[in-house]
Amino acid sequence: MSRKVLITGGTGMIGTRLAEMLIDGGYEVALLSRTPGDNRYFSFRWDPLAGSIDPAAVPYADYIVNLAGSSVSDGKWTAERKRQILSSRVAGTQLLSQELRKVTHHVRGFISASAIGIYGDQGDRLLSEDTAAASDDFLANVCRQWEEAAEYVQQEGIRTAILRIGIVLSPEGGALVPLARTVKMMAGAPLGSGKQFMSWIHLDDLCRLFIKAIEDEQWQGVYNAVAPNPVTNKEFTKTLADVLHRPLVLPKVPEFGLKLMMGEMSEIVLASQRVSAEKVLGRGFRFEFPTLKPALESFYGD
């Protein structure tokens, strides 16, 4: 049986690792890219904001993994930056949905990214897939529109799974890189109160979740893509310092200072999201890194 996977956002941190793991698992992989030819994989050209896509792209695929989206942590959230964050996710997903209605294809599954930012700041409340999206919150609004665009694919009768991704741990990018850098410089400290929950996931476990969602036809609807043991920011910082063999010598970084430096983007590090992994566990998924210290040691262990 043909096993061809088309990945949008395939040159990013998640897409790069996912493509490697899919190839190792015997899949064929192609990327949808605005700049084809700059990578190791066959690519089709698209420009979501212009509404253009290579007509051969969707007919290539047995499965589509939709990861495309501008980084939320690159620079302050100006009005233009916020527009890019939203449009880069929604326009691409809408374009795929339109193309799936328009062309003859054999796509058997559509696996789309979302994020736990949909829940907003929820303190120590345990959040499941049934928890309502936050209102009056920029990231929650982005995620809600992103998911609504993916649900149009489901309406076409194509099995659709949406993975709400937590804080992805990798030494190649994402939140861990600046956190580890500050700890290595012995400038590590809890952020804000330090009591806010961080729902994290090891990059390899996240990619294995995507592959599980491709392979298991029971997977449809929304799933939290987080490890089963969220920790507070204070616990995270202390564990990272232990693994890196560095002391924590600074007091907490005050909330007002973070807001001054980062503006509205500070909600990424100050929002508390204690997210449940029960649904994916109930689907039979087993995490290679269910707890934080071994996950960090896989990157920084002696």
Protein backbone atom coordinates (compact mmCIF):
# COMPACT_ATOMS: atom_id res chain seq x y z
CA MET A 1 0.00 0.00 0.00
CA SER A 2 1.28 3.46 -0.93
CA ARG A 3 2.51 5.49 2.04
CA LYS A 4 3.21 8.99 0.85
CA VAL A 5 3.13 11.88 3.32
CA LEU A 6 2.94 15.52 2.31
CA ILE A 7 4.16 17.89 5.05
CA THR A 8 3.51 21.63 5.25
CA GLY A 9 5.97 23.50 7.45
CA GLY A 10 8.36 20.63 6.86
CA THR A 11 11.56 22.70 7.14
CA GLY A 12 10.81 23.74 10.74
CA MET A 13 12.03 21.97 13.87
CA ILE A 14 9.07 19.58 14.12
CA GLY A 15 8.75 18.93 10.40
CA THR A 16 12.46 18.21 9.97
CA ARG A 17 12.49 15.54 12.68
CA LEU A 18 9.12 14.11 11.62
CA ALA A 19 10.33 13.70 8.04
CA GLU A 20 13.42 11.82 9.28
CA MET A 21 11.32 9.47 11.42
CA LEU A 22 8.80 8.87 8.62
CA ILE A 23 11.59 7.98 6.17
CA ASP A 24 13.07 5.60 8.78
CA GLY A 25 9.60 4.04 9.06
CA GLY A 26 9.37 3.33 5.34
CA TYR A 27 7.27 6.30 4.24
CA GLU A 28 7.87 8.51 1.24
CA VAL A 29 7.91 12.21 2.16
CA ALA A 30 7.41 15.39 0.17
CA LEU A 31 7.18 18.96 1.43
CA LEU A 32 4.92 21.85 0.55
CA SER A 33 7.23 24.86 0.56
CA ARG A 34 7.31 28.46 -0.59
CA THR A 35 10.96 27.87 -1.61
CA PRO A 36 11.29 24.34 -3.06
CA GLY A 37 14.74 22.89 -3.55
CA ASP A 38 16.30 24.11 -0.30
CA ASN A 39 15.99 20.75 1.45
CA ARG A 40 16.66 17.03 1.20
CA TYR A 41 13.14 16.10 0.14
CA PHE A 42 11.06 16.42 -2.97
CA SER A 43 9.05 19.63 -2.73
CA PHE A 44 5.96 21.17 -4.22
CA ARG A 45 5.62 24.94 -4.34
CA TRP A 46 2.80 26.84 -2.64
CA ASP A 47 2.10 30.35 -1.44
CA PRO A 48 -0.80 30.24 1.04
CA LEU A 49 -1.24 33.99 1.29
CA ALA A 50 -1.46 34.26 -2.50
CA GLY A 51 -3.77 31.24 -2.63
CA SER A 52 -1.50 29.31 -5.01
CA ILE A 53 -0.46 25.66 -4.81
CA ASP A 54 1.14 23.18 -7.23
CA PRO A 55 -1.81 21.20 -8.61
CA ALA A 56 0.23 17.98 -8.30
CA ALA A 57 0.79 18.37 -4.53
CA VAL A 58 -2.44 17.06 -3.03
CA PRO A 59 -2.82 14.22 -5.59
CA TYR A 60 0.65 13.01 -4.50
CA ALA A 61 -0.39 12.35 -0.92
CA ASP A 62 -1.91 9.50 1.02
CA TYR A 63 -1.62 11.61 4.17
CA ILE A 64 -1.15 15.32 4.80
CA VAL A 65 0.54 16.65 7.94
CA ASN A 66 -0.18 20.35 8.33
CA LEU A 67 2.47 22.13 10.45
CA ALA A 68 2.82 25.44 8.59
CA GLY A 69 2.77 28.58 10.72
CA SER A 70 4.93 31.59 11.49
CA SER A 71 6.80 31.35 14.83
CA VAL A 72 5.00 32.97 17.75
CA SER A 73 8.27 33.80 19.51
CA ASP A 74 10.14 35.73 16.81
CA GLY A 75 9.91 39.33 17.92
CA LYS A 76 7.29 41.42 19.71
CA TRP A 77 3.66 41.03 18.79
CA THR A 78 3.13 44.14 16.71
CA ALA A 79 -0.14 44.38 14.80
CA GLU A 80 1.66 43.19 11.64
CA ARG A 81 3.36 40.30 13.47
CA LYS A 82 0.04 39.13 14.91
CA ARG A 83 -1.49 39.26 11.44
CA GLN A 84 1.34 37.02 10.15
CA ILE A 85 0.95 34.53 13.03
CA LEU A 86 -2.76 34.15 12.30
CA SER A 87 -2.75 34.26 8.50
CA SER A 88 0.21 31.87 8.10
CA ARG A 89 -1.80 29.18 9.89
CA VAL A 90 -5.33 29.81 8.72
CA ALA A 91 -4.64 30.67 5.06
CA GLY A 92 -2.57 27.52 4.49
CA THR A 93 -5.13 25.25 6.12
CA GLN A 94 -7.97 26.86 4.17
CA LEU A 95 -6.02 26.47 0.92
CA LEU A 96 -5.50 22.76 1.57
CA SER A 97 -9.19 22.36 2.36
CA GLN A 98 -10.16 24.06 -0.91
CA GLU A 99 -7.70 21.95 -2.88
CA LEU A 100 -9.01 18.72 -1.34
CA ARG A 101 -12.50 19.66 -2.55
CA LYS A 102 -11.29 20.64 -6.01
CA VAL A 103 -8.88 17.94 -7.23
CA THR A 104 -9.03 14.16 -7.56
CA HIS A 105 -6.98 12.71 -4.72
CA HIS A 106 -6.49 9.66 -2.50
CA VAL A 107 -5.81 11.39 0.83
CA ARG A 108 -6.76 9.03 3.67
CA GLY A 109 -5.85 11.22 6.63
CA PHE A 110 -5.29 14.90 7.43
CA ILE A 111 -3.26 15.54 10.61
CA SER A 112 -3.16 19.20 11.57
CA ALA A 113 -1.24 21.04 14.26
CA SER A 114 -2.81 23.32 16.83
CA ALA A 115 -1.51 24.39 20.22
CA ILE A 116 -2.41 24.32 23.90
CA GLY A 117 -2.50 28.11 23.67
CA ILE A 118 -6.17 27.57 22.86
CA TYR A 119 -6.84 27.15 26.60
CA GLY A 120 -5.38 30.50 27.67
CA ASP A 121 -4.16 31.08 31.24
CA GLN A 122 -5.97 28.53 33.46
CA GLY A 123 -3.99 28.37 36.71
CA ASP A 124 -3.79 24.83 38.14
CA ARG A 125 -7.03 23.59 36.54
CA LEU A 126 -6.52 20.31 34.65
CA LEU A 127 -7.39 20.91 30.99
CA SER A 128 -8.84 18.27 28.69
CA GLU A 129 -9.79 18.38 25.03
CA ASP A 130 -13.33 19.23 26.15
CA THR A 131 -12.21 22.41 27.93
CA ALA A 132 -13.59 25.46 26.14
CA ALA A 133 -11.22 27.75 24.25
CA ALA A 134 -10.30 30.90 26.12
CA SER A 135 -12.02 34.09 25.04
CA ASP A 136 -10.30 37.47 24.61
CA ASP A 137 -6.87 35.84 24.20
CA PHE A 138 -4.78 36.27 21.06
CA LEU A 139 -3.21 32.79 20.92
CA ALA A 140 -6.49 31.11 21.82
CA ASN A 141 -8.17 32.99 18.97
CA VAL A 142 -5.43 31.92 16.54
CA CYS A 143 -5.76 28.28 17.58
CA ARG A 144 -9.54 28.34 17.39
CA GLN A 145 -9.52 29.69 13.82
CA TRP A 146 -6.73 27.24 12.88
CA GLU A 147 -8.80 24.30 14.14
CA GLU A 148 -11.98 25.55 12.47
CA ALA A 149 -10.11 25.65 9.14
CA ALA A 150 -8.99 22.02 9.67
CA GLU A 151 -12.54 20.96 10.50
CA TYR A 152 -13.61 21.89 6.96
CA VAL A 153 -11.40 19.00 5.78
CA GLN A 154 -13.27 16.67 8.13
CA GLN A 155 -16.52 17.82 6.51
CA GLU A 156 -15.20 16.50 3.19
CA GLY A 157 -15.23 13.00 4.71
CA ILE A 158 -11.46 12.85 5.21
CA ARG A 159 -10.34 11.51 8.58
CA THR A 160 -8.96 14.52 10.43
CA ALA A 161 -6.96 14.63 13.67
CA ILE A 162 -5.87 17.86 15.33
CA LEU A 163 -2.93 17.78 17.77
CA ARG A 164 -2.80 20.59 20.33
CA ILE A 165 0.94 20.82 20.83
CA GLY A 166 2.52 21.79 24.14
CA ILE A 167 6.01 23.22 24.77
CA VAL A 168 8.24 21.13 22.49
CA LEU A 169 11.59 20.18 23.99
CA SER A 170 14.52 20.05 21.59
CA PRO A 171 18.08 21.43 21.64
CA GLU A 172 17.54 22.44 18.00
CA GLY A 173 15.02 25.19 18.68
CA GLY A 174 11.93 26.27 20.53
CA ALA A 175 11.64 27.34 24.16
CA LEU A 176 14.32 25.05 25.58
CA VAL A 177 17.22 26.74 23.76
CA PRO A 178 17.03 30.17 25.47
CA LEU A 179 16.09 28.58 28.82
CA ALA A 180 19.12 26.28 28.71
CA ARG A 181 21.38 29.14 27.60
CA THR A 182 20.45 31.29 30.59
CA VAL A 183 20.91 28.36 33.01
CA LYS A 184 24.33 27.53 31.50
CA MET A 185 25.33 31.19 32.04
CA MET A 186 24.20 30.78 35.67
CA ALA A 187 21.48 33.34 35.05
CA GLY A 188 18.58 30.88 35.24
CA ALA A 189 15.58 31.81 37.35
CA PRO A 190 11.87 31.03 37.54
CA LEU A 191 9.76 33.38 35.43
CA GLY A 192 7.06 35.46 37.09
CA SER A 193 5.62 33.60 40.08
CA GLY A 194 7.19 30.33 38.92
CA LYS A 195 3.89 28.66 39.80
CA GLN A 196 2.53 28.60 36.26
CA PHE A 197 2.27 25.11 34.76
CA MET A 198 4.28 24.14 31.68
CA SER A 199 2.82 21.30 29.63
CA TRP A 200 5.78 20.02 27.63
CA ILE A 201 6.58 17.17 25.22
CA HIS A 202 9.84 15.69 23.93
CA LEU A 203 10.25 16.31 20.18
CA ASP A 204 10.56 12.59 19.40
CA ASP A 205 7.39 11.76 21.35
CA LEU A 206 5.55 14.49 19.46
CA CYS A 207 6.69 13.05 16.12
CA ARG A 208 5.67 9.56 17.26
CA LEU A 209 2.23 11.01 18.09
CA PHE A 210 1.92 12.38 14.57
CA ILE A 211 2.92 9.00 13.13
CA LYS A 212 0.41 7.24 15.39
CA ALA A 213 -2.29 9.63 14.16
CA ILE A 214 -1.33 8.80 10.56
CA GLU A 215 -1.35 5.05 11.09
CA ASP A 216 -4.30 4.48 13.41
CA GLU A 217 -7.62 5.11 11.70
CA GLN A 218 -9.34 5.44 15.09
CA TRP A 219 -7.59 8.76 15.59
CA GLN A 220 -9.87 11.63 14.66
CA GLY A 221 -10.89 14.81 16.39
CA VAL A 222 -8.79 16.78 18.86
CA TYR A 223 -5.91 15.46 20.99
CA ASN A 224 -3.60 17.14 23.49
CA ALA A 225 0.00 16.51 22.41
CA VAL A 226 1.68 16.84 25.81
CA ALA A 227 3.58 14.51 28.12
CA PRO A 228 1.53 13.14 31.03
CA ASN A 229 3.48 15.00 33.73
CA PRO A 230 3.30 18.81 33.44
CA VAL A 231 5.44 20.78 35.88
CA THR A 232 5.51 24.31 37.22
CA ASN A 233 7.95 26.80 35.76
CA LYS A 234 9.91 26.67 39.02
CA GLU A 235 10.16 22.86 38.84
CA PHE A 236 11.14 23.02 35.18
CA THR A 237 13.90 25.55 35.82
CA LYS A 238 15.25 23.60 38.81
CA THR A 239 15.25 20.30 36.90
CA LEU A 240 17.02 21.90 33.94
CA ALA A 241 19.64 23.37 36.27
CA ASP A 242 20.16 19.94 37.89
CA VAL A 243 20.65 18.26 34.50
CA LEU A 244 23.07 20.98 33.38
CA HIS A 245 24.90 20.89 36.75
CA ARG A 246 24.39 24.60 37.33
CA PRO A 247 23.13 26.40 40.41
CA LEU A 248 20.10 28.66 40.41
CA VAL A 249 21.47 31.82 41.96
CA LEU A 250 19.10 34.53 40.77
CA PRO A 251 15.73 35.41 42.26
CA LYS A 252 12.60 35.09 40.15
CA VAL A 253 12.33 37.21 37.03
CA PRO A 254 9.45 39.57 37.91
CA GLU A 255 6.31 39.49 35.83
CA PHE A 256 6.38 43.24 35.17
CA GLY A 257 9.92 42.94 33.80
CA LEU A 258 8.89 40.20 31.38
CA LYS A 259 5.93 42.27 30.22
CA LEU A 260 8.19 45.28 29.74
CA MET A 261 10.68 43.25 27.65
CA MET A 262 8.27 41.07 25.70
CA GLY A 263 5.00 42.99 25.63
CA GLU A 264 1.92 40.87 24.98
CA MET A 265 4.20 37.98 23.91
CA SER A 266 5.03 37.47 27.62
CA GLU A 267 1.82 35.43 27.90
CA ILE A 268 3.75 32.57 26.24
CA VAL A 269 5.88 32.16 29.38
CA LEU A 270 3.47 33.50 32.01
CA ALA A 271 0.27 31.64 31.11
CA SER A 272 -0.39 28.53 33.21
CA GLN A 273 -1.62 25.49 31.29
CA ARG A 274 -1.87 22.16 33.10
CA VAL A 275 -2.93 19.96 30.22
CA SER A 276 -4.08 16.34 30.41
CA ALA A 277 -2.60 13.57 28.24
CA GLU A 278 -5.29 11.06 29.24
CA LYS A 279 -6.95 10.93 25.82
CA VAL A 280 -3.79 9.90 23.90
CA LEU A 281 -2.88 7.45 26.68
CA GLY A 282 -6.37 6.00 26.36
CA ARG A 283 -5.74 5.53 22.63
CA GLY A 284 -2.81 3.26 23.52
CA PHE A 285 0.02 5.71 22.96
CA ARG A 286 3.04 5.20 25.21
CA PHE A 287 5.50 8.00 25.82
CA GLU A 288 9.21 7.32 25.61
CA PHE A 289 9.73 10.36 27.85
CA PRO A 290 6.76 10.72 30.22
CA THR A 291 8.72 12.64 32.87
CA LEU A 292 10.85 15.77 32.55
CA LYS A 293 14.29 14.82 33.87
CA PRO A 294 14.91 11.88 31.48
CA ALA A 295 13.61 14.02 28.62
CA LEU A 296 16.16 16.75 29.41
CA GLU A 297 18.92 14.18 30.02
CA SER A 298 18.34 12.80 26.51
CA PHE A 299 19.68 16.14 25.26
CA TYR A 300 22.10 17.25 27.96
CA GLY A 301 23.02 14.09 29.87
CA ASP A 302 26.69 13.30 30.50
